[in-house]
Amino acid sequence: MKKILVFASGSKDGGGSGFKELVEHTRTGLLPAEIVAVVSSQPEGGVFQIAKNLKVSFEYFPGLYEAEEYQKLVAKYQPDLIALSGWLKLTKGLNPAKTINIHPGPLPRFGGQGMYGHFVHKAVMEAYKKGEVTASAVSMHFVTDEYDQGPLFFHYPVLIRPEDDAESLAKRVNEKERAWQWWATKLVLEDQISWDGQNPGSLKTPTDYPFLP
């Protein structure tokens, strides 16, 4: 069975919902893989509690590390795929063809350093009020050594409603993240979605695949 290593920052008292969904989908068999461990920058926060409850190996990994430290962690678990699910740190030295990230907004416009969580939803709503966008999105992409710069392979639009604010939009975007992350991850594991890690034009998706912008 293929192995997935998850990176999920979480917070001192919450977070980790995407990680939890991935684990549960592996245990129902819908995602044919094993989550071998989860990595968090919080020592005993929400991700730790979920890992403890689900009996998944936990690694505390604080701060901004160099490539060698990331590679040591990967060497320990030998995953077939690395999934960043709410990981707020810049990763370095990981295999870009085998590392994916989920992002709570349309890329590339609403990505980059500092664009995570509430900051994304706030920026999207500001653009909506200016008449510049009509929808947010759940985005998934391959990971390079720059924030949110790898090829985008999943784009699920979430229409903005006139009564929305950043909080209500965030709730609906997060619902779609939890509903679809496992499915797109499965396609990457099965090589139905792939990238050579170098040439953006080498991105491969299924025939008639509807989830690209």
N, C-alpha and C. Protein backbone atom coordinates (compact mmCIF):
# COMPACT_ATOMS: atom_id res chain seq x y z
N MET A 1 0.84 -1.19 0.00
CA MET A 1 0.00 0.00 0.00
C MET A 1 0.88 1.25 0.00
N LYS A 2 0.48 2.25 -0.78
CA LYS A 2 1.26 3.48 -0.85
C LYS A 2 1.14 4.27 0.44
N LYS A 3 2.21 5.06 0.71
CA LYS A 3 2.30 5.79 1.98
C LYS A 3 2.26 7.30 1.73
N ILE A 4 1.53 7.99 2.61
CA ILE A 4 1.43 9.45 2.55
C ILE A 4 1.95 10.04 3.85
N LEU A 5 2.79 11.05 3.74
CA LEU A 5 3.25 11.83 4.88
C LEU A 5 2.54 13.18 4.81
N VAL A 6 1.83 13.56 5.87
CA VAL A 6 1.05 14.80 5.89
C VAL A 6 1.77 15.85 6.72
N PHE A 7 1.80 17.08 6.22
CA PHE A 7 2.27 18.24 6.97
C PHE A 7 1.05 19.12 7.26
N ALA A 8 0.77 19.39 8.52
CA ALA A 8 -0.39 20.20 8.90
C ALA A 8 -0.03 21.03 10.13
N SER A 9 0.08 22.33 9.98
CA SER A 9 0.52 23.18 11.10
C SER A 9 -0.49 23.18 12.24
N GLY A 10 -1.76 23.48 11.95
CA GLY A 10 -2.75 23.59 13.00
C GLY A 10 -2.45 24.77 13.91
N SER A 11 -3.11 24.79 15.05
CA SER A 11 -2.90 25.84 16.05
C SER A 11 -2.83 25.20 17.42
N LYS A 12 -2.65 26.03 18.45
CA LYS A 12 -2.55 25.48 19.81
C LYS A 12 -3.82 24.77 20.26
N ASP A 13 -4.95 25.20 19.70
CA ASP A 13 -6.21 24.61 20.17
C ASP A 13 -7.12 24.14 19.04
N GLY A 14 -6.58 23.98 17.83
CA GLY A 14 -7.44 23.54 16.73
C GLY A 14 -6.65 23.20 15.49
N GLY A 15 -7.38 23.11 14.38
CA GLY A 15 -6.75 22.79 13.10
C GLY A 15 -6.66 21.30 12.87
N GLY A 16 -6.19 20.95 11.70
CA GLY A 16 -5.99 19.54 11.38
C GLY A 16 -7.19 18.85 10.76
N SER A 17 -8.22 19.61 10.37
CA SER A 17 -9.43 18.95 9.83
C SER A 17 -9.14 18.26 8.50
N GLY A 18 -8.29 18.86 7.67
CA GLY A 18 -7.94 18.22 6.41
C GLY A 18 -7.18 16.92 6.62
N PHE A 19 -6.24 16.95 7.55
CA PHE A 19 -5.49 15.73 7.92
C PHE A 19 -6.44 14.65 8.40
N LYS A 20 -7.38 15.02 9.25
CA LYS A 20 -8.35 14.05 9.78
C LYS A 20 -9.16 13.42 8.66
N GLU A 21 -9.62 14.24 7.70
CA GLU A 21 -10.39 13.72 6.58
C GLU A 21 -9.57 12.73 5.75
N LEU A 22 -8.30 13.05 5.52
CA LEU A 22 -7.45 12.14 4.75
C LEU A 22 -7.33 10.79 5.46
N VAL A 23 -7.08 10.83 6.75
CA VAL A 23 -6.96 9.58 7.50
C VAL A 23 -8.26 8.77 7.41
N GLU A 24 -9.37 9.43 7.63
CA GLU A 24 -10.65 8.71 7.62
C GLU A 24 -10.94 8.12 6.24
N HIS A 25 -10.56 8.83 5.18
CA HIS A 25 -10.78 8.28 3.84
C HIS A 25 -9.87 7.09 3.55
N THR A 26 -8.67 7.06 4.15
CA THR A 26 -7.84 5.87 3.99
C THR A 26 -8.47 4.68 4.70
N ARG A 27 -9.14 4.94 5.82
CA ARG A 27 -9.68 3.85 6.62
C ARG A 27 -11.02 3.33 6.11
N THR A 28 -11.69 4.11 5.25
CA THR A 28 -12.88 3.58 4.58
C THR A 28 -12.50 2.88 3.28
N GLY A 29 -11.25 3.06 2.84
CA GLY A 29 -10.81 2.44 1.61
C GLY A 29 -10.97 3.30 0.37
N LEU A 30 -11.61 4.46 0.51
CA LEU A 30 -11.77 5.34 -0.65
C LEU A 30 -10.43 5.91 -1.12
N LEU A 31 -9.54 6.18 -0.18
CA LEU A 31 -8.19 6.62 -0.51
C LEU A 31 -7.25 5.45 -0.20
N PRO A 32 -6.80 4.73 -1.23
CA PRO A 32 -6.03 3.50 -1.00
C PRO A 32 -4.58 3.78 -0.62
N ALA A 33 -4.39 4.18 0.61
CA ALA A 33 -3.06 4.54 1.10
C ALA A 33 -3.05 4.47 2.62
N GLU A 34 -1.84 4.60 3.17
CA GLU A 34 -1.67 4.68 4.62
C GLU A 34 -1.05 6.04 4.95
N ILE A 35 -1.64 6.76 5.92
CA ILE A 35 -1.01 7.97 6.44
C ILE A 35 0.03 7.52 7.45
N VAL A 36 1.31 7.59 7.08
CA VAL A 36 2.35 7.02 7.95
C VAL A 36 2.71 7.93 9.11
N ALA A 37 2.46 9.24 8.94
CA ALA A 37 2.74 10.20 10.02
C ALA A 37 2.18 11.56 9.63
N VAL A 38 2.02 12.41 10.64
CA VAL A 38 1.66 13.81 10.41
C VAL A 38 2.70 14.69 11.10
N VAL A 39 3.04 15.77 10.44
CA VAL A 39 4.05 16.71 10.94
C VAL A 39 3.35 18.02 11.27
N SER A 40 3.62 18.57 12.46
CA SER A 40 3.01 19.83 12.87
C SER A 40 4.05 20.75 13.49
N SER A 41 3.83 22.06 13.34
CA SER A 41 4.70 23.04 13.98
C SER A 41 4.20 23.42 15.38
N GLN A 42 3.12 22.77 15.82
CA GLN A 42 2.61 22.93 17.19
C GLN A 42 2.87 21.63 17.96
N PRO A 43 3.54 21.69 19.12
CA PRO A 43 3.92 20.45 19.80
C PRO A 43 2.74 19.65 20.35
N GLU A 44 1.72 20.33 20.86
CA GLU A 44 0.60 19.60 21.45
C GLU A 44 -0.72 20.30 21.11
N GLY A 45 -0.85 20.76 19.88
CA GLY A 45 -2.04 21.48 19.45
C GLY A 45 -3.09 20.56 18.88
N GLY A 46 -3.92 21.16 18.02
CA GLY A 46 -5.04 20.41 17.46
C GLY A 46 -4.63 19.21 16.64
N VAL A 47 -3.55 19.35 15.86
CA VAL A 47 -3.08 18.24 15.03
C VAL A 47 -2.58 17.09 15.90
N PHE A 48 -1.87 17.44 16.95
CA PHE A 48 -1.38 16.40 17.89
C PHE A 48 -2.55 15.61 18.47
N GLN A 49 -3.60 16.31 18.89
CA GLN A 49 -4.74 15.63 19.50
C GLN A 49 -5.44 14.69 18.51
N ILE A 50 -5.58 15.15 17.26
CA ILE A 50 -6.19 14.30 16.24
C ILE A 50 -5.32 13.08 15.99
N ALA A 51 -4.02 13.29 15.86
CA ALA A 51 -3.10 12.18 15.62
C ALA A 51 -3.16 11.17 16.77
N LYS A 52 -3.23 11.67 17.99
CA LYS A 52 -3.32 10.79 19.16
C LYS A 52 -4.61 9.97 19.13
N ASN A 53 -5.72 10.63 18.81
CA ASN A 53 -7.01 9.94 18.78
C ASN A 53 -7.06 8.89 17.67
N LEU A 54 -6.43 9.20 16.54
CA LEU A 54 -6.47 8.29 15.38
C LEU A 54 -5.29 7.32 15.36
N LYS A 55 -4.40 7.45 16.35
CA LYS A 55 -3.23 6.57 16.46
C LYS A 55 -2.34 6.66 15.21
N VAL A 56 -2.05 7.90 14.82
CA VAL A 56 -1.14 8.17 13.72
C VAL A 56 0.15 8.77 14.29
N SER A 57 1.29 8.32 13.81
CA SER A 57 2.58 8.84 14.29
C SER A 57 2.63 10.36 14.11
N PHE A 58 3.18 11.05 15.12
CA PHE A 58 3.21 12.51 15.14
C PHE A 58 4.66 12.99 15.22
N GLU A 59 4.98 14.02 14.44
CA GLU A 59 6.30 14.64 14.47
C GLU A 59 6.14 16.13 14.72
N TYR A 60 6.81 16.62 15.76
CA TYR A 60 6.86 18.06 16.02
C TYR A 60 8.03 18.64 15.22
N PHE A 61 7.75 19.63 14.40
CA PHE A 61 8.74 20.16 13.45
C PHE A 61 8.60 21.68 13.42
N PRO A 62 9.17 22.39 14.40
CA PRO A 62 8.96 23.83 14.51
C PRO A 62 9.87 24.63 13.60
N GLY A 63 9.48 25.87 13.37
CA GLY A 63 10.36 26.82 12.70
C GLY A 63 10.56 26.60 11.22
N LEU A 64 11.45 27.38 10.65
CA LEU A 64 11.79 27.29 9.24
C LEU A 64 13.09 26.52 9.10
N TYR A 65 13.01 25.32 8.55
CA TYR A 65 14.17 24.46 8.44
C TYR A 65 14.76 24.49 7.03
N GLU A 66 16.01 24.10 6.94
CA GLU A 66 16.67 23.98 5.65
C GLU A 66 16.32 22.63 5.01
N ALA A 67 16.71 22.49 3.75
CA ALA A 67 16.34 21.31 2.97
C ALA A 67 16.77 20.01 3.65
N GLU A 68 17.94 20.03 4.28
CA GLU A 68 18.46 18.79 4.86
C GLU A 68 17.54 18.27 5.96
N GLU A 69 16.94 19.16 6.73
CA GLU A 69 16.05 18.72 7.82
C GLU A 69 14.77 18.12 7.28
N TYR A 70 14.22 18.73 6.23
CA TYR A 70 13.04 18.14 5.59
C TYR A 70 13.37 16.76 5.02
N GLN A 71 14.52 16.67 4.39
CA GLN A 71 14.90 15.41 3.74
C GLN A 71 15.13 14.30 4.77
N LYS A 72 15.64 14.64 5.94
CA LYS A 72 15.81 13.64 7.00
C LYS A 72 14.45 13.08 7.43
N LEU A 73 13.48 13.95 7.55
CA LEU A 73 12.15 13.52 7.96
C LEU A 73 11.52 12.62 6.89
N VAL A 74 11.68 12.99 5.63
CA VAL A 74 11.15 12.17 4.54
C VAL A 74 11.86 10.82 4.51
N ALA A 75 13.17 10.82 4.70
CA ALA A 75 13.92 9.56 4.69
C ALA A 75 13.45 8.61 5.79
N LYS A 76 13.01 9.17 6.90
CA LYS A 76 12.54 8.35 8.02
C LYS A 76 11.29 7.56 7.66
N TYR A 77 10.39 8.19 6.90
CA TYR A 77 9.09 7.56 6.62
C TYR A 77 8.94 7.01 5.21
N GLN A 78 9.81 7.42 4.29
CA GLN A 78 9.81 6.91 2.92
C GLN A 78 8.41 6.97 2.27
N PRO A 79 7.77 8.14 2.25
CA PRO A 79 6.43 8.21 1.68
C PRO A 79 6.46 8.20 0.15
N ASP A 80 5.36 7.72 -0.43
CA ASP A 80 5.18 7.82 -1.88
C ASP A 80 4.68 9.20 -2.27
N LEU A 81 4.03 9.88 -1.32
CA LEU A 81 3.49 11.21 -1.57
C LEU A 81 3.54 12.02 -0.29
N ILE A 82 3.82 13.31 -0.42
CA ILE A 82 3.79 14.25 0.70
C ILE A 82 2.63 15.19 0.46
N ALA A 83 1.73 15.31 1.44
CA ALA A 83 0.56 16.17 1.30
C ALA A 83 0.62 17.29 2.33
N LEU A 84 0.71 18.53 1.86
CA LEU A 84 0.65 19.68 2.75
C LEU A 84 -0.82 20.07 2.89
N SER A 85 -1.31 20.06 4.11
CA SER A 85 -2.73 20.33 4.37
C SER A 85 -2.82 21.34 5.50
N GLY A 86 -2.72 22.62 5.15
CA GLY A 86 -2.68 23.65 6.17
C GLY A 86 -1.29 23.82 6.77
N TRP A 87 -0.25 23.52 5.98
CA TRP A 87 1.13 23.71 6.43
C TRP A 87 1.55 25.14 6.08
N LEU A 88 1.95 25.94 7.08
CA LEU A 88 2.16 27.37 6.88
C LEU A 88 3.62 27.73 6.67
N LYS A 89 4.52 26.77 6.71
CA LYS A 89 5.94 27.05 6.54
C LYS A 89 6.37 26.81 5.09
N LEU A 90 7.44 27.47 4.69
CA LEU A 90 8.02 27.23 3.37
C LEU A 90 8.81 25.94 3.40
N THR A 91 8.43 24.99 2.56
CA THR A 91 9.16 23.73 2.50
C THR A 91 10.36 23.87 1.56
N LYS A 92 11.41 23.10 1.84
CA LYS A 92 12.63 23.15 1.04
C LYS A 92 13.15 21.74 0.80
N GLY A 93 13.62 21.49 -0.40
CA GLY A 93 14.31 20.24 -0.68
C GLY A 93 13.43 19.03 -0.86
N LEU A 94 12.12 19.20 -0.94
CA LEU A 94 11.23 18.07 -1.16
C LEU A 94 11.09 17.80 -2.65
N ASN A 95 10.76 16.58 -3.01
CA ASN A 95 10.59 16.21 -4.41
C ASN A 95 9.34 16.91 -4.95
N PRO A 96 9.48 17.87 -5.87
CA PRO A 96 8.30 18.62 -6.33
C PRO A 96 7.30 17.78 -7.09
N ALA A 97 7.74 16.66 -7.64
CA ALA A 97 6.81 15.78 -8.37
C ALA A 97 6.00 14.90 -7.44
N LYS A 98 6.39 14.85 -6.15
CA LYS A 98 5.71 13.98 -5.19
C LYS A 98 5.23 14.74 -3.96
N THR A 99 5.09 16.07 -4.09
CA THR A 99 4.63 16.90 -2.98
C THR A 99 3.51 17.79 -3.47
N ILE A 100 2.36 17.76 -2.77
CA ILE A 100 1.20 18.55 -3.18
C ILE A 100 0.71 19.40 -2.01
N ASN A 101 -0.02 20.46 -2.35
CA ASN A 101 -0.55 21.38 -1.34
C ASN A 101 -1.99 21.74 -1.67
N ILE A 102 -2.79 21.98 -0.65
CA ILE A 102 -4.14 22.49 -0.83
C ILE A 102 -4.19 23.92 -0.31
N HIS A 103 -4.87 24.80 -1.07
CA HIS A 103 -4.87 26.23 -0.77
C HIS A 103 -6.32 26.74 -0.81
N PRO A 104 -6.73 27.59 0.16
CA PRO A 104 -8.15 27.99 0.25
C PRO A 104 -8.51 29.23 -0.55
N GLY A 105 -8.02 29.32 -1.78
CA GLY A 105 -8.35 30.47 -2.61
C GLY A 105 -7.84 30.26 -4.03
N PRO A 106 -8.24 31.14 -4.95
CA PRO A 106 -7.80 31.02 -6.34
C PRO A 106 -6.32 31.36 -6.49
N LEU A 107 -5.61 30.48 -7.19
CA LEU A 107 -4.21 30.73 -7.50
C LEU A 107 -4.08 31.06 -8.99
N PRO A 108 -3.08 31.89 -9.35
CA PRO A 108 -1.99 32.39 -8.49
C PRO A 108 -2.29 33.69 -7.75
N ARG A 109 -3.39 34.36 -8.09
CA ARG A 109 -3.61 35.71 -7.56
C ARG A 109 -3.62 35.77 -6.04
N PHE A 110 -4.27 34.82 -5.40
CA PHE A 110 -4.44 34.88 -3.95
C PHE A 110 -3.52 33.88 -3.24
N GLY A 111 -2.29 33.80 -3.70
CA GLY A 111 -1.30 32.94 -3.08
C GLY A 111 -0.04 33.72 -2.75
N GLY A 112 0.97 33.00 -2.27
CA GLY A 112 2.23 33.62 -1.91
C GLY A 112 2.42 33.73 -0.42
N GLN A 113 3.57 34.26 -0.01
CA GLN A 113 3.91 34.36 1.40
C GLN A 113 2.88 35.23 2.14
N GLY A 114 2.41 34.74 3.27
CA GLY A 114 1.45 35.47 4.08
C GLY A 114 0.01 35.27 3.67
N MET A 115 -0.23 34.59 2.56
CA MET A 115 -1.59 34.36 2.09
C MET A 115 -2.05 32.98 2.52
N TYR A 116 -2.64 32.92 3.69
CA TYR A 116 -3.16 31.67 4.21
C TYR A 116 -4.39 31.98 5.07
N GLY A 117 -5.27 30.99 5.19
CA GLY A 117 -6.41 31.10 6.09
C GLY A 117 -7.22 32.38 5.88
N HIS A 118 -7.48 33.08 6.98
CA HIS A 118 -8.33 34.27 6.97
C HIS A 118 -7.80 35.34 6.01
N PHE A 119 -6.49 35.42 5.87
CA PHE A 119 -5.91 36.45 4.99
C PHE A 119 -6.34 36.24 3.54
N VAL A 120 -6.45 34.99 3.14
CA VAL A 120 -6.90 34.68 1.78
C VAL A 120 -8.36 35.10 1.60
N HIS A 121 -9.21 34.68 2.52
CA HIS A 121 -10.64 34.96 2.39
C HIS A 121 -10.92 36.47 2.45
N LYS A 122 -10.18 37.17 3.29
CA LYS A 122 -10.35 38.62 3.37
C LYS A 122 -9.96 39.29 2.05
N ALA A 123 -8.85 38.84 1.45
CA ALA A 123 -8.40 39.43 0.19
C ALA A 123 -9.37 39.12 -0.95
N VAL A 124 -9.92 37.91 -0.95
CA VAL A 124 -10.90 37.55 -1.98
C VAL A 124 -12.15 38.41 -1.84
N MET A 125 -12.63 38.61 -0.62
CA MET A 125 -13.83 39.44 -0.42
C MET A 125 -13.58 40.89 -0.82
N GLU A 126 -12.40 41.40 -0.56
CA GLU A 126 -12.07 42.77 -0.97
C GLU A 126 -12.10 42.88 -2.50
N ALA A 127 -11.58 41.87 -3.18
CA ALA A 127 -11.60 41.87 -4.65
C ALA A 127 -13.03 41.75 -5.17
N TYR A 128 -13.85 40.96 -4.48
CA TYR A 128 -15.26 40.82 -4.86
C TYR A 128 -16.00 42.16 -4.76
N LYS A 129 -15.77 42.89 -3.69
CA LYS A 129 -16.44 44.17 -3.48
C LYS A 129 -16.03 45.20 -4.53
N LYS A 130 -14.86 45.02 -5.12
CA LYS A 130 -14.39 45.91 -6.18
C LYS A 130 -14.87 45.46 -7.55
N GLY A 131 -15.59 44.34 -7.59
CA GLY A 131 -16.08 43.82 -8.86
C GLY A 131 -15.03 43.08 -9.66
N GLU A 132 -13.95 42.64 -9.02
CA GLU A 132 -12.84 42.00 -9.73
C GLU A 132 -12.99 40.48 -9.83
N VAL A 133 -13.71 39.87 -8.89
CA VAL A 133 -13.93 38.42 -8.91
C VAL A 133 -15.37 38.13 -8.52
N THR A 134 -15.85 36.97 -8.92
CA THR A 134 -17.20 36.53 -8.54
C THR A 134 -17.15 35.25 -7.71
N ALA A 135 -15.99 34.63 -7.63
CA ALA A 135 -15.88 33.35 -6.93
C ALA A 135 -14.52 33.21 -6.27
N SER A 136 -14.51 32.44 -5.20
CA SER A 136 -13.26 31.97 -4.61
C SER A 136 -13.01 30.58 -5.18
N ALA A 137 -12.13 29.81 -4.55
CA ALA A 137 -11.85 28.47 -5.06
C ALA A 137 -11.06 27.66 -4.04
N VAL A 138 -11.17 26.36 -4.17
CA VAL A 138 -10.22 25.44 -3.55
C VAL A 138 -9.19 25.11 -4.62
N SER A 139 -7.93 25.29 -4.30
CA SER A 139 -6.85 25.02 -5.26
C SER A 139 -5.92 23.96 -4.72
N MET A 140 -5.42 23.10 -5.61
CA MET A 140 -4.36 22.17 -5.24
C MET A 140 -3.27 22.24 -6.30
N HIS A 141 -2.02 22.15 -5.85
CA HIS A 141 -0.90 22.30 -6.77
C HIS A 141 0.30 21.50 -6.28
N PHE A 142 1.20 21.23 -7.21
CA PHE A 142 2.47 20.63 -6.83
C PHE A 142 3.33 21.69 -6.16
N VAL A 143 4.25 21.26 -5.30
CA VAL A 143 4.98 22.16 -4.43
C VAL A 143 6.43 22.32 -4.87
N THR A 144 6.85 23.57 -5.00
CA THR A 144 8.25 23.90 -5.27
C THR A 144 8.82 24.61 -4.04
N ASP A 145 10.02 25.15 -4.17
CA ASP A 145 10.64 25.85 -3.05
C ASP A 145 10.16 27.29 -2.92
N GLU A 146 9.11 27.68 -3.65
CA GLU A 146 8.50 28.99 -3.53
C GLU A 146 7.03 28.82 -3.18
N TYR A 147 6.50 29.72 -2.37
CA TYR A 147 5.11 29.62 -1.96
C TYR A 147 4.16 29.61 -3.16
N ASP A 148 3.35 28.55 -3.27
CA ASP A 148 2.21 28.48 -4.20
C ASP A 148 2.59 28.69 -5.67
N GLN A 149 3.78 28.27 -6.05
CA GLN A 149 4.23 28.51 -7.43
C GLN A 149 4.21 27.26 -8.31
N GLY A 150 4.01 26.08 -7.74
CA GLY A 150 3.99 24.87 -8.54
C GLY A 150 2.74 24.77 -9.40
N PRO A 151 2.74 23.90 -10.41
CA PRO A 151 1.61 23.78 -11.33
C PRO A 151 0.30 23.45 -10.60
N LEU A 152 -0.74 24.19 -10.96
CA LEU A 152 -2.07 23.99 -10.40
C LEU A 152 -2.74 22.81 -11.09
N PHE A 153 -3.26 21.85 -10.30
CA PHE A 153 -3.92 20.70 -10.92
C PHE A 153 -5.37 20.51 -10.46
N PHE A 154 -5.83 21.35 -9.52
CA PHE A 154 -7.22 21.22 -9.06
C PHE A 154 -7.74 22.60 -8.71
N HIS A 155 -8.87 22.98 -9.33
CA HIS A 155 -9.48 24.28 -9.09
C HIS A 155 -10.98 24.06 -8.99
N TYR A 156 -11.53 24.23 -7.79
CA TYR A 156 -12.96 24.03 -7.57
C TYR A 156 -13.55 25.37 -7.16
N PRO A 157 -14.28 26.04 -8.06
CA PRO A 157 -14.79 27.37 -7.75
C PRO A 157 -15.90 27.34 -6.70
N VAL A 158 -15.89 28.35 -5.84
CA VAL A 158 -16.91 28.53 -4.81
C VAL A 158 -17.51 29.92 -5.01
N LEU A 159 -18.75 29.98 -5.49
CA LEU A 159 -19.38 31.24 -5.81
C LEU A 159 -19.55 32.10 -4.56
N ILE A 160 -19.23 33.38 -4.68
CA ILE A 160 -19.41 34.31 -3.57
C ILE A 160 -20.85 34.83 -3.58
N ARG A 161 -21.49 34.77 -2.43
CA ARG A 161 -22.87 35.23 -2.30
C ARG A 161 -22.90 36.69 -1.84
N PRO A 162 -23.92 37.46 -2.25
CA PRO A 162 -23.97 38.88 -1.87
C PRO A 162 -23.88 39.12 -0.38
N GLU A 163 -24.39 38.20 0.43
CA GLU A 163 -24.39 38.37 1.88
C GLU A 163 -23.10 37.88 2.54
N ASP A 164 -22.16 37.36 1.77
CA ASP A 164 -20.95 36.79 2.33
C ASP A 164 -20.05 37.82 3.00
N ASP A 165 -19.33 37.37 4.01
CA ASP A 165 -18.15 38.06 4.52
C ASP A 165 -17.03 37.03 4.54
N ALA A 166 -15.86 37.41 5.04
CA ALA A 166 -14.72 36.50 5.01
C ALA A 166 -15.00 35.21 5.78
N GLU A 167 -15.74 35.32 6.89
CA GLU A 167 -15.99 34.15 7.72
C GLU A 167 -16.96 33.17 7.05
N SER A 168 -18.03 33.69 6.47
CA SER A 168 -18.99 32.79 5.84
C SER A 168 -18.40 32.15 4.58
N LEU A 169 -17.60 32.93 3.85
CA LEU A 169 -16.94 32.37 2.67
C LEU A 169 -15.96 31.28 3.09
N ALA A 170 -15.21 31.54 4.14
CA ALA A 170 -14.24 30.55 4.63
C ALA A 170 -14.91 29.24 4.97
N LYS A 171 -16.07 29.31 5.59
CA LYS A 171 -16.78 28.09 5.98
C LYS A 171 -17.11 27.24 4.76
N ARG A 172 -17.61 27.86 3.69
CA ARG A 172 -17.98 27.09 2.50
C ARG A 172 -16.76 26.58 1.75
N VAL A 173 -15.71 27.39 1.68
CA VAL A 173 -14.48 26.94 1.04
C VAL A 173 -13.91 25.75 1.79
N ASN A 174 -13.89 25.84 3.11
CA ASN A 174 -13.34 24.74 3.92
C ASN A 174 -14.16 23.47 3.77
N GLU A 175 -15.47 23.60 3.62
CA GLU A 175 -16.31 22.42 3.38
C GLU A 175 -15.91 21.73 2.09
N LYS A 176 -15.66 22.52 1.05
CA LYS A 176 -15.25 21.95 -0.24
C LYS A 176 -13.85 21.35 -0.15
N GLU A 177 -12.97 21.97 0.62
CA GLU A 177 -11.63 21.40 0.82
C GLU A 177 -11.73 19.99 1.40
N ARG A 178 -12.51 19.85 2.46
CA ARG A 178 -12.63 18.55 3.13
C ARG A 178 -13.31 17.52 2.23
N ALA A 179 -14.23 17.99 1.39
CA ALA A 179 -14.96 17.07 0.54
C ALA A 179 -14.14 16.55 -0.64
N TRP A 180 -13.20 17.35 -1.14
CA TRP A 180 -12.52 17.02 -2.39
C TRP A 180 -11.04 16.69 -2.25
N GLN A 181 -10.41 17.03 -1.13
CA GLN A 181 -8.96 16.81 -1.02
C GLN A 181 -8.58 15.35 -1.22
N TRP A 182 -9.33 14.45 -0.60
CA TRP A 182 -8.99 13.03 -0.70
C TRP A 182 -9.04 12.55 -2.15
N TRP A 183 -10.03 13.04 -2.90
CA TRP A 183 -10.24 12.59 -4.28
C TRP A 183 -9.10 13.03 -5.18
N ALA A 184 -8.73 14.30 -5.10
CA ALA A 184 -7.61 14.78 -5.92
C ALA A 184 -6.31 14.11 -5.50
N THR A 185 -6.14 13.88 -4.20
CA THR A 185 -4.96 13.18 -3.71
C THR A 185 -4.89 11.76 -4.29
N LYS A 186 -6.02 11.11 -4.36
CA LYS A 186 -6.09 9.76 -4.93
C LYS A 186 -5.64 9.76 -6.39
N LEU A 187 -6.05 10.76 -7.16
CA LEU A 187 -5.65 10.82 -8.57
C LEU A 187 -4.14 11.00 -8.72
N VAL A 188 -3.54 11.76 -7.81
CA VAL A 188 -2.08 11.92 -7.84
C VAL A 188 -1.39 10.60 -7.47
N LEU A 189 -1.89 9.94 -6.43
CA LEU A 189 -1.32 8.66 -6.03
C LEU A 189 -1.38 7.63 -7.15
N GLU A 190 -2.44 7.67 -7.94
CA GLU A 190 -2.63 6.72 -9.03
C GLU A 190 -1.98 7.17 -10.33
N ASP A 191 -1.26 8.29 -10.29
CA ASP A 191 -0.58 8.86 -11.47
C ASP A 191 -1.56 9.28 -12.57
N GLN A 192 -2.82 9.44 -12.22
CA GLN A 192 -3.75 10.03 -13.18
C GLN A 192 -3.49 11.53 -13.33
N ILE A 193 -2.94 12.11 -12.25
CA ILE A 193 -2.42 13.47 -12.27
C ILE A 193 -0.93 13.37 -11.95
N SER A 194 -0.10 13.97 -12.79
CA SER A 194 1.34 13.88 -12.56
C SER A 194 2.05 15.09 -13.13
N TRP A 195 3.27 15.27 -12.67
CA TRP A 195 4.15 16.36 -13.13
C TRP A 195 5.58 15.88 -12.99
N ASP A 196 6.45 16.26 -13.93
CA ASP A 196 7.83 15.78 -13.86
C ASP A 196 8.68 16.56 -12.87
N GLY A 197 8.13 17.60 -12.25
CA GLY A 197 8.85 18.36 -11.24
C GLY A 197 9.72 19.46 -11.80
N GLN A 198 9.74 19.62 -13.13
CA GLN A 198 10.60 20.63 -13.74
C GLN A 198 9.87 21.49 -14.77
N ASN A 199 9.28 20.84 -15.77
CA ASN A 199 8.67 21.55 -16.89
C ASN A 199 7.18 21.75 -16.62
N PRO A 200 6.68 23.00 -16.48
CA PRO A 200 5.26 23.21 -16.24
C PRO A 200 4.36 22.58 -17.30
N GLY A 201 4.86 22.47 -18.52
CA GLY A 201 4.08 21.89 -19.60
C GLY A 201 3.93 20.38 -19.51
N SER A 202 4.63 19.76 -18.56
CA SER A 202 4.55 18.30 -18.43
C SER A 202 3.39 17.85 -17.54
N LEU A 203 2.63 18.80 -16.98
CA LEU A 203 1.50 18.43 -16.14
C LEU A 203 0.51 17.58 -16.92
N LYS A 204 0.12 16.46 -16.31
CA LYS A 204 -0.84 15.55 -16.94
C LYS A 204 -2.06 15.40 -16.05
N THR A 205 -3.24 15.54 -16.64
CA THR A 205 -4.50 15.32 -15.93
C THR A 205 -5.37 14.39 -16.76
N PRO A 206 -6.41 13.80 -16.18
CA PRO A 206 -7.27 12.89 -16.94
C PRO A 206 -7.95 13.58 -18.13
N THR A 207 -8.34 12.80 -19.10
CA THR A 207 -9.09 13.30 -20.25
C THR A 207 -10.41 13.91 -19.78
N ASP A 208 -10.76 15.06 -20.37
CA ASP A 208 -12.00 15.76 -20.02
C ASP A 208 -12.07 16.12 -18.54
N TYR A 209 -10.94 16.38 -17.95
CA TYR A 209 -10.85 16.74 -16.54
C TYR A 209 -11.40 18.17 -16.34
N PRO A 210 -12.43 18.37 -15.50
CA PRO A 210 -13.08 19.68 -15.42
C PRO A 210 -12.51 20.62 -14.38
N PHE A 211 -11.53 20.17 -13.58
CA PHE A 211 -11.12 20.96 -12.42
C PHE A 211 -9.85 21.77 -12.65
N LEU A 212 -9.79 22.47 -13.76
CA LEU A 212 -8.71 23.41 -14.03
C LEU A 212 -9.34 24.76 -14.36
N PRO A 213 -8.68 25.87 -13.98
CA PRO A 213 -9.27 27.19 -14.23
C PRO A 213 -9.34 27.51 -15.72
